[in-house]
C-alpha atoms as a PDB file:
ATOM      1  CA  MET A   1      -6.776  -9.334 -14.044  1.00  0.00           C
ATOM      2  CA  TYR A   2      -4.880  -6.321 -15.048  1.00  0.00           C
ATOM      3  CA  PHE A   3      -1.695  -4.890 -14.821  1.00  0.00           C
ATOM      4  CA  SER A   4      -1.161  -1.645 -16.486  1.00  0.00           C
ATOM      5  CA  ARG A   5       1.883   1.358 -15.672  1.00  0.00           C
ATOM      6  CA  ILE A   6       0.376   5.091 -16.073  1.00  0.00           C
ATOM      7  CA  ARG A   7       1.859   7.939 -16.626  1.00  0.00           C
ATOM      8  CA  ARG A   8       3.027  11.502 -17.844  1.00  0.00           C
ATOM      9  CA  PRO A   9       5.551  13.611 -18.213  1.00  0.00           C
ATOM     10  CA  ILE A  10       5.521  16.045 -15.533  1.00  0.00           C
ATOM     11  CA  SER A  11       6.526  18.480 -18.199  1.00  0.00           C
ATOM     12  CA  ASN A  12       3.548  18.490 -20.746  1.00  0.00           C
ATOM     13  CA  ALA A  13       0.959  19.043 -17.159  1.00  0.00           C
ATOM     14  CA  LEU A  14       2.739  22.374 -16.539  1.00  0.00           C
ATOM     15  CA  THR A  15       2.328  23.208 -20.300  1.00  0.00           C
ATOM     16  CA  GLU A  16      -1.132  22.352 -21.228  1.00  0.00           C
ATOM     17  CA  GLY A  17      -2.383  24.181 -17.813  1.00  0.00           C
ATOM     18  CA  ASN A  18      -3.105  20.454 -15.764  1.00  0.00           C
ATOM     19  CA  LEU A  19      -1.225  20.999 -12.372  1.00  0.00           C
ATOM     20  CA  PRO A  20       0.489  17.629 -11.258  1.00  0.00           C
ATOM     21  CA  ILE A  21      -1.621  15.574  -8.834  1.00  0.00           C
ATOM     22  CA  GLN A  22       0.148  16.094  -5.489  1.00  0.00           C
ATOM     23  CA  ALA A  23       2.606  13.426  -3.274  1.00  0.00           C
ATOM     24  CA  GLY A  24       0.974  13.090  -0.499  1.00  0.00           C
ATOM     25  CA  ASN A  25      -2.354  14.093  -1.924  1.00  0.00           C
ATOM     26  CA  ILE A  26      -4.019  10.501  -1.779  1.00  0.00           C
ATOM     27  CA  TYR A  27      -7.382  11.656  -2.139  1.00  0.00           C
ATOM     28  CA  GLU A  28      -6.675  13.621  -5.295  1.00  0.00           C
ATOM     29  CA  GLU A  29      -5.424  10.253  -6.335  1.00  0.00           C
ATOM     30  CA  HIS A  30      -7.965   8.235  -4.950  1.00  0.00           C
ATOM     31  CA  LYS A  31     -10.293  10.136  -7.536  1.00  0.00           C
ATOM     32  CA  PHE A  32      -7.809  10.095 -10.358  1.00  0.00           C
ATOM     33  CA  ILE A  33      -7.380   6.112  -9.864  1.00  0.00           C
ATOM     34  CA  TRP A  34     -11.058   5.704 -10.425  1.00  0.00           C
ATOM     35  CA  GLY A  35     -11.703   7.573 -12.840  1.00  0.00           C
ATOM     36  CA  LEU A  36      -9.731   5.232 -14.755  1.00  0.00           C
ATOM     37  CA  PHE A  37     -11.935   2.789 -15.301  1.00  0.00           C
ATOM     38  CA  PRO A  38     -15.442   2.997 -17.384  1.00  0.00           C
ATOM     39  CA  PHE A  39     -17.997   4.872 -15.265  1.00  0.00           C
ATOM     40  CA  ASP A  40     -20.397   2.696 -13.393  1.00  0.00           C
ATOM     41  CA  LYS A  41     -22.921   3.449 -10.153  1.00  0.00           C
ATOM     42  CA  GLU A  42     -22.594   0.361  -9.116  1.00  0.00           C
ATOM     43  CA  ALA A  43     -19.004  -0.829  -9.080  1.00  0.00           C
ATOM     44  CA  GLU A  44     -17.302  -1.086  -5.876  1.00  0.00           C
ATOM     45  CA  ARG A  45     -13.786  -0.547  -5.469  1.00  0.00           C
ATOM     46  CA  ASP A  46     -12.044  -3.927  -7.549  1.00  0.00           C
ATOM     47  CA  PHE A  47      -8.121  -2.145  -8.065  1.00  0.00           C
ATOM     48  CA  LEU A  48      -4.862  -1.921  -6.276  1.00  0.00           C
ATOM     49  CA  TYR A  49      -2.594   1.055  -7.032  1.00  0.00           C
ATOM     50  CA  ARG A  50       0.277   2.063  -6.094  1.00  0.00           C
ATOM     51  CA  ARG A  51       2.144   5.884  -7.025  1.00  0.00           C
ATOM     52  CA  PHE A  52       5.903   5.112  -7.990  1.00  0.00           C
ATOM     53  CA  ASP A  53       7.004   8.873  -9.937  1.00  0.00           C
ATOM     54  CA  ALA A  54      10.077   8.161 -11.883  1.00  0.00           C
ATOM     55  CA  GLU A  55      12.267  10.626 -12.791  1.00  0.00           C
ATOM     56  CA  GLY A  56      10.451  13.500 -14.704  1.00  0.00           C
ATOM     57  CA  PHE A  57       6.875  11.266 -14.928  1.00  0.00           C
ATOM     58  CA  GLN A  58       3.909  11.438 -12.293  1.00  0.00           C
ATOM     59  CA  GLN A  59       3.444   6.872 -12.985  1.00  0.00           C
ATOM     60  CA  PHE A  60       0.519   4.716 -11.853  1.00  0.00           C
ATOM     61  CA  PHE A  61       1.034   1.550 -11.360  1.00  0.00           C
ATOM     62  CA  VAL A  62      -2.515  -0.705 -11.236  1.00  0.00           C
ATOM     63  CA  VAL A  63      -3.437  -4.050 -10.608  1.00  0.00           C
ATOM     64  CA  SER A  64      -7.767  -4.607 -11.535  1.00  0.00           C
ATOM     65  CA  GLN A  65      -9.800  -6.915 -12.088  1.00  0.00           C
ATOM     66  CA  ARG A  66     -11.498  -4.309 -14.581  1.00  0.00           C
ATOM     67  CA  LYS A  67      -9.866  -3.298 -18.002  1.00  0.00           C
ATOM     68  CA  PRO A  68      -9.246   0.595 -17.715  1.00  0.00           C
ATOM     69  CA  LEU A  69      -9.124   3.113 -19.725  1.00  0.00           C
ATOM     70  CA  GLU A  70      -6.263   2.768 -23.166  1.00  0.00           C
ATOM     71  CA  SER A  71      -6.997   6.137 -23.893  1.00  0.00           C
ATOM     72  CA  LEU A  72      -6.039   9.018 -21.489  1.00  0.00           C
ATOM     73  CA  HIS A  73      -5.878  12.736 -21.984  1.00  0.00           C
ATOM     74  CA  ALA A  74      -1.746  13.217 -21.904  1.00  0.00           C
ATOM     75  CA  TRP A  75      -1.538  10.339 -19.570  1.00  0.00           C
ATOM     76  CA  GLU A  76       0.537   6.413 -21.633  1.00  0.00           C
ATOM     77  CA  VAL A  77      -1.600   4.022 -20.493  1.00  0.00           C
ATOM     78  CA  ALA A  78       0.260   0.554 -20.889  1.00  0.00           C
ATOM     79  CA  ILE A  79      -1.985  -2.710 -20.193  1.00  0.00           C
ATOM     80  CA  LYS A  80      -1.081  -6.253 -19.876  1.00  0.00           C
ATOM     81  CA  SER A  81      -3.149  -9.370 -18.720  1.00  0.00           C
ATOM     82  CA  TYR A  82      -2.157 -10.060 -15.202  1.00  0.00           C
ATOM     83  CA  GLU A  83      -1.452 -14.049 -14.416  1.00  0.00           C
ATOM     84  CA  PRO A  84       1.721 -14.612 -12.808  1.00  0.00           C
ATOM     85  CA  LYS A  85       2.299 -17.899 -12.349  1.00  0.00           C
ATOM     86  CA  ILE A  86       5.109 -18.291  -9.586  1.00  0.00           C
ATOM     87  CA  ASP A  87       6.351 -22.340  -8.316  1.00  0.00           C
ATOM     88  CA  ILE A  88       6.382 -22.852  -4.284  1.00  0.00           C
ATOM     89  CA  GLY A  89       9.857 -21.646  -3.303  1.00  0.00           C
ATOM     90  CA  THR A  90      11.125 -18.986  -5.788  1.00  0.00           C
ATOM     91  CA  GLN A  91      12.485 -15.312  -3.865  1.00  0.00           C
ATOM     92  CA  LEU A  92      10.974 -12.773  -5.388  1.00  0.00           C
ATOM     93  CA  HIS A  93      12.332  -8.503  -4.852  1.00  0.00           C
ATOM     94  CA  PHE A  94       9.134  -7.379  -3.082  1.00  0.00           C
ATOM     95  CA  ASN A  95       8.594  -3.243  -3.024  1.00  0.00           C
ATOM     96  CA  LEU A  96       5.302  -2.693  -0.780  1.00  0.00           C
ATOM     97  CA  ARG A  97       3.374   0.425   0.843  1.00  0.00           C
ATOM     98  CA  VAL A  98       0.830  -0.513   3.416  1.00  0.00           C
ATOM     99  CA  ASN A  99      -1.306   0.992   6.259  1.00  0.00           C
ATOM    100  CA  PRO A 100      -1.079  -1.528   9.677  1.00  0.00           C
ATOM    101  CA  VAL A 101      -2.950  -1.245  12.136  1.00  0.00           C
ATOM    102  CA  VAL A 102      -3.449  -3.387  15.571  1.00  0.00           C
ATOM    103  CA  THR A 103      -7.575  -3.745  16.465  1.00  0.00           C
ATOM    104  CA  LYS A 104      -7.941  -3.290  19.892  1.00  0.00           C
ATOM    105  CA  MET A 105     -10.868  -3.739  22.239  1.00  0.00           C
ATOM    106  CA  PRO A 106     -10.763  -0.866  24.744  1.00  0.00           C
ATOM    107  CA  GLU A 107     -13.444  -1.916  27.101  1.00  0.00           C
ATOM    108  CA  GLY A 108     -11.313  -5.147  27.622  1.00  0.00           C
ATOM    109  CA  PRO A 109     -11.418  -9.427  26.623  1.00  0.00           C
ATOM    110  CA  GLY A 110     -14.809 -10.224  26.016  1.00  0.00           C
ATOM    111  CA  SER A 111     -16.459  -6.627  24.808  1.00  0.00           C
ATOM    112  CA  LYS A 112     -17.282  -5.809  21.048  1.00  0.00           C
ATOM    113  CA  LYS A 113     -16.461  -3.157  20.915  1.00  0.00           C
ATOM    114  CA  ARG A 114     -13.703  -2.537  18.646  1.00  0.00           C
ATOM    115  CA  LYS A 115     -10.421   0.581  17.459  1.00  0.00           C
ATOM    116  CA  ARG A 116      -7.864   0.477  15.235  1.00  0.00           C
ATOM    117  CA  GLU A 117      -4.740   2.060  16.176  1.00  0.00           C
ATOM    118  CA  ASP A 118      -1.994   2.331  14.011  1.00  0.00           C
ATOM    119  CA  VAL A 119       1.170  -0.048  14.554  1.00  0.00           C
ATOM    120  CA  TYR A 120       3.658   3.065  15.102  1.00  0.00           C
ATOM    121  CA  MET A 121       2.026   4.892  17.229  1.00  0.00           C
ATOM    122  CA  ASP A 122       0.696   1.662  19.006  1.00  0.00           C
ATOM    123  CA  ALA A 123       4.735   0.765  19.467  1.00  0.00           C
ATOM    124  CA  LEU A 124       5.615   3.807  20.658  1.00  0.00           C
ATOM    125  CA  ALA A 125       3.029   4.588  23.632  1.00  0.00           C
ATOM    126  CA  LYS A 126       3.685   1.499  24.242  1.00  0.00           C
ATOM    127  CA  SER A 127       8.157   2.161  24.792  1.00  0.00           C
ATOM    128  CA  LYS A 128       6.994   5.154  26.793  1.00  0.00           C
ATOM    129  CA  THR A 129       6.396   2.834  29.454  1.00  0.00           C
ATOM    130  CA  VAL A 130      10.258   1.427  29.219  1.00  0.00           C
ATOM    131  CA  PRO A 131      12.293   3.267  31.433  1.00  0.00           C
ATOM    132  CA  GLU A 132      14.414   5.991  29.122  1.00  0.00           C
ATOM    133  CA  ALA A 133      17.720   4.669  29.896  1.00  0.00           C
ATOM    134  CA  GLU A 134      16.348   1.218  28.626  1.00  0.00           C
ATOM    135  CA  ARG A 135      13.915   2.005  25.330  1.00  0.00           C
ATOM    136  CA  SER A 136      14.957   1.861  21.771  1.00  0.00           C
ATOM    137  CA  THR A 137      14.992   4.330  20.049  1.00  0.00           C
ATOM    138  CA  ASN A 138      12.245   5.537  17.426  1.00  0.00           C
ATOM    139  CA  ALA A 139      14.148   4.071  13.989  1.00  0.00           C
ATOM    140  CA  GLU A 140      14.677   0.542  16.145  1.00  0.00           C
ATOM    141  CA  ILE A 141      10.489   0.806  17.536  1.00  0.00           C
ATOM    142  CA  LEU A 142       9.308   1.754  14.010  1.00  0.00           C
ATOM    143  CA  GLN A 143      11.984  -1.541  12.701  1.00  0.00           C
ATOM    144  CA  GLU A 144      10.608  -4.287  14.810  1.00  0.00           C
ATOM    145  CA  CYS A 145       7.094  -2.875  15.070  1.00  0.00           C
ATOM    146  CA  ALA A 146       6.726  -3.078  11.295  1.00  0.00           C
ATOM    147  CA  PHE A 147       9.184  -6.279  11.053  1.00  0.00           C
ATOM    148  CA  GLN A 148       6.584  -7.938  13.144  1.00  0.00           C
ATOM    149  CA  TRP A 149       3.332  -6.640  11.310  1.00  0.00           C
ATOM    150  CA  LEU A 150       4.769  -8.264   7.920  1.00  0.00           C
ATOM    151  CA  SER A 151       6.055 -11.580   9.309  1.00  0.00           C
ATOM    152  CA  GLU A 152       3.419 -12.324  11.577  1.00  0.00           C
ATOM    153  CA  ARG A 153       0.603 -12.128   8.290  1.00  0.00           C
ATOM    154  CA  SER A 154       3.256 -13.841   5.971  1.00  0.00           C
ATOM    155  CA  GLU A 155       2.085 -17.610   6.612  1.00  0.00           C
ATOM    156  CA  GLN A 156      -1.854 -17.278   5.479  1.00  0.00           C
ATOM    157  CA  ASN A 157      -0.575 -14.912   2.818  1.00  0.00           C
ATOM    158  CA  GLY A 158       1.876 -17.400   0.578  1.00  0.00           C
ATOM    159  CA  PHE A 159       4.972 -15.823   1.749  1.00  0.00           C
ATOM    160  CA  ALA A 160       8.279 -16.047   4.451  1.00  0.00           C
ATOM    161  CA  VAL A 161      10.626 -13.026   5.284  1.00  0.00           C
ATOM    162  CA  SER A 162      13.506 -13.236   7.517  1.00  0.00           C
ATOM    163  CA  ARG A 163      14.796 -10.440   9.584  1.00  0.00           C
ATOM    164  CA  ASP A 164      17.779 -10.053   7.533  1.00  0.00           C
ATOM    165  CA  SER A 165      16.027 -10.080   4.428  1.00  0.00           C
ATOM    166  CA  VAL A 166      13.585  -7.142   5.337  1.00  0.00           C
ATOM    167  CA  ILE A 167      14.414  -3.331   4.812  1.00  0.00           C
ATOM    168  CA  VAL A 168      11.741  -0.857   6.499  1.00  0.00           C
ATOM    169  CA  GLU A 169      12.414   2.200   4.353  1.00  0.00           C
ATOM    170  CA  GLY A 170      10.389   4.458   6.881  1.00  0.00           C
ATOM    171  CA  TYR A 171       6.558   6.464   8.134  1.00  0.00           C
ATOM    172  CA  GLN A 172       4.513   8.670   6.712  1.00  0.00           C
ATOM    173  CA  ARG A 173       1.061  10.183   7.834  1.00  0.00           C
ATOM    174  CA  PHE A 174      -1.549  11.146   5.608  1.00  0.00           C
ATOM    175  CA  GLU A 175      -5.004  13.312   6.527  1.00  0.00           C
ATOM    176  CA  ILE A 176      -7.370  12.867   4.013  1.00  0.00           C
ATOM    177  CA  THR A 177     -10.285  15.348   4.395  1.00  0.00           C
ATOM    178  CA  THR A 178     -13.907  13.812   3.576  1.00  0.00           C
ATOM    179  CA  LYS A 179     -15.669  15.721   0.604  1.00  0.00           C
ATOM    180  CA  LYS A 180     -18.953  15.102   1.786  1.00  0.00           C
ATOM    181  CA  ASP A 181     -19.073  16.054   5.693  1.00  0.00           C
ATOM    182  CA  ASN A 182     -15.416  17.136   6.121  1.00  0.00           C
ATOM    183  CA  HIS A 183     -14.438  14.438   7.944  1.00  0.00           C
ATOM    184  CA  LYS A 184     -10.869  14.136   8.088  1.00  0.00           C
ATOM    185  CA  ILE A 185      -8.928  10.675   8.933  1.00  0.00           C
ATOM    186  CA  GLN A 186      -5.295  10.762   9.307  1.00  0.00           C
ATOM    187  CA  MET A 187      -3.439   6.978   8.565  1.00  0.00           C
ATOM    188  CA  GLY A 188       0.018   6.255   9.010  1.00  0.00           C
ATOM    189  CA  VAL A 189       1.692   4.339   5.996  1.00  0.00           C
ATOM    190  CA  ILE A 190       5.397   2.208   6.244  1.00  0.00           C
ATOM    191  CA  ASP A 191       7.088   1.333   2.919  1.00  0.00           C
ATOM    192  CA  TYR A 192       8.841  -1.797   2.488  1.00  0.00           C
ATOM    193  CA  ASN A 193      11.067  -3.903   0.220  1.00  0.00           C
ATOM    194  CA  GLY A 194      13.502  -6.817   0.302  1.00  0.00           C
ATOM    195  CA  ILE A 195      13.798 -10.395  -0.454  1.00  0.00           C
ATOM    196  CA  LEU A 196      10.587 -12.722   0.087  1.00  0.00           C
ATOM    197  CA  THR A 197      10.207 -16.429  -0.682  1.00  0.00           C
ATOM    198  CA  VAL A 198       6.952 -17.650  -1.835  1.00  0.00           C
ATOM    199  CA  THR A 199       5.085 -20.606   0.346  1.00  0.00           C
ATOM    200  CA  ASP A 200       1.505 -21.248  -1.491  1.00  0.00           C
ATOM    201  CA  PHE A 201       0.618 -20.136  -5.090  1.00  0.00           C
ATOM    202  CA  ASP A 202      -2.723 -19.514  -4.212  1.00  0.00           C
ATOM    203  CA  LEU A 203      -2.861 -17.720  -1.178  1.00  0.00           C
ATOM    204  CA  PHE A 204       0.337 -15.213  -2.865  1.00  0.00           C
ATOM    205  CA  ARG A 205      -1.876 -14.692  -6.074  1.00  0.00           C
ATOM    206  CA  ARG A 206      -4.628 -13.747  -3.925  1.00  0.00           C
ATOM    207  CA  THR A 207      -2.097 -11.925  -1.944  1.00  0.00           C
ATOM    208  CA  LEU A 208      -0.852 -10.208  -5.690  1.00  0.00           C
ATOM    209  CA  TYR A 209      -4.388  -9.750  -6.261  1.00  0.00           C
ATOM    210  CA  GLN A 210      -6.452  -8.166  -3.479  1.00  0.00           C
ATOM    211  CA  GLY A 211      -3.382  -6.153  -1.478  1.00  0.00           C
ATOM    212  CA  LEU A 212      -1.813  -6.119   2.459  1.00  0.00           C
ATOM    213  CA  GLY A 213      -3.587  -4.109   4.690  1.00  0.00           C
ATOM    214  CA  LYS A 214      -6.696  -1.290   5.231  1.00  0.00           C
ATOM    215  CA  SER A 215      -6.358   1.700   2.966  1.00  0.00           C
ATOM    216  CA  LYS A 216      -6.488   0.019  -0.157  1.00  0.00           C
ATOM    217  CA  SER A 217      -7.957   1.951  -1.827  1.00  0.00           C
ATOM    218  CA  PHE A 218      -5.258   5.063  -0.551  1.00  0.00           C
ATOM    219  CA  GLY A 219      -2.699   3.421  -2.809  1.00  0.00           C
ATOM    220  CA  CYS A 220      -1.618   1.282   0.054  1.00  0.00           C
ATOM    221  CA  GLY A 221      -1.792  -2.663  -0.531  1.00  0.00           C
ATOM    222  CA  LEU A 222      -0.196  -3.374  -3.819  1.00  0.00           C
ATOM    223  CA  MET A 223       2.473  -5.347  -3.558  1.00  0.00           C
ATOM    224  CA  MET A 224       5.511  -5.241  -6.646  1.00  0.00           C
ATOM    225  CA  ILE A 225       7.335  -7.747  -7.264  1.00  0.00           C
ATOM    226  CA  LYS A 226      10.175  -8.814  -9.544  1.00  0.00           C
ATOM    227  CA  LYS A 227      12.933 -10.909 -10.304  1.00  0.00           C
ATOM    228  CA  VAL A 228      15.711 -12.021  -7.755  1.00  0.00           C
END
């Protein structure tokens, strides 16, 4: 596996007449990341990425099975082997963007029909059944449903989190329009940062390589980690 940082100064992009990839245009980001790898029409997505602009720079971090191109016009490319070795019990700072969903059976238990619902939108809808005087604020609902989603998936992904060690930074909605049929897709993303404890290295390594949640082709799922 490879861990790569791809960046370019925004000033260079403007000077060369290449407009920066606009923040929030995740379809253009998606196309750009695919273009980092040697062309292979048979290839399936084998990467995770996260846009993390720094001051004055457009910047992407990528974890991939294939090695990206080492030379990319106007972009700085730094690539290293990614084979983390982490002891059980290690605490790590993490930063994560996910597209968290819950799967429902709209026709009742036992139905073969499945429907994915945005975790936060689903929680907001449920809150409307609570008397207004007893209802939590939208910010409280976001914190609760986002932590619950992550906590419920932590054990099977090789780590543990506690409520006081996780910050839910925010929620955004994006709309993607497919070029093929002009179909509009909406997705909600939640950003986290905090401290986790590794409980199973093999499962955690799988999480680092394969990501969490849905929409991994669109900048979600990559868990960024560093030592506490």
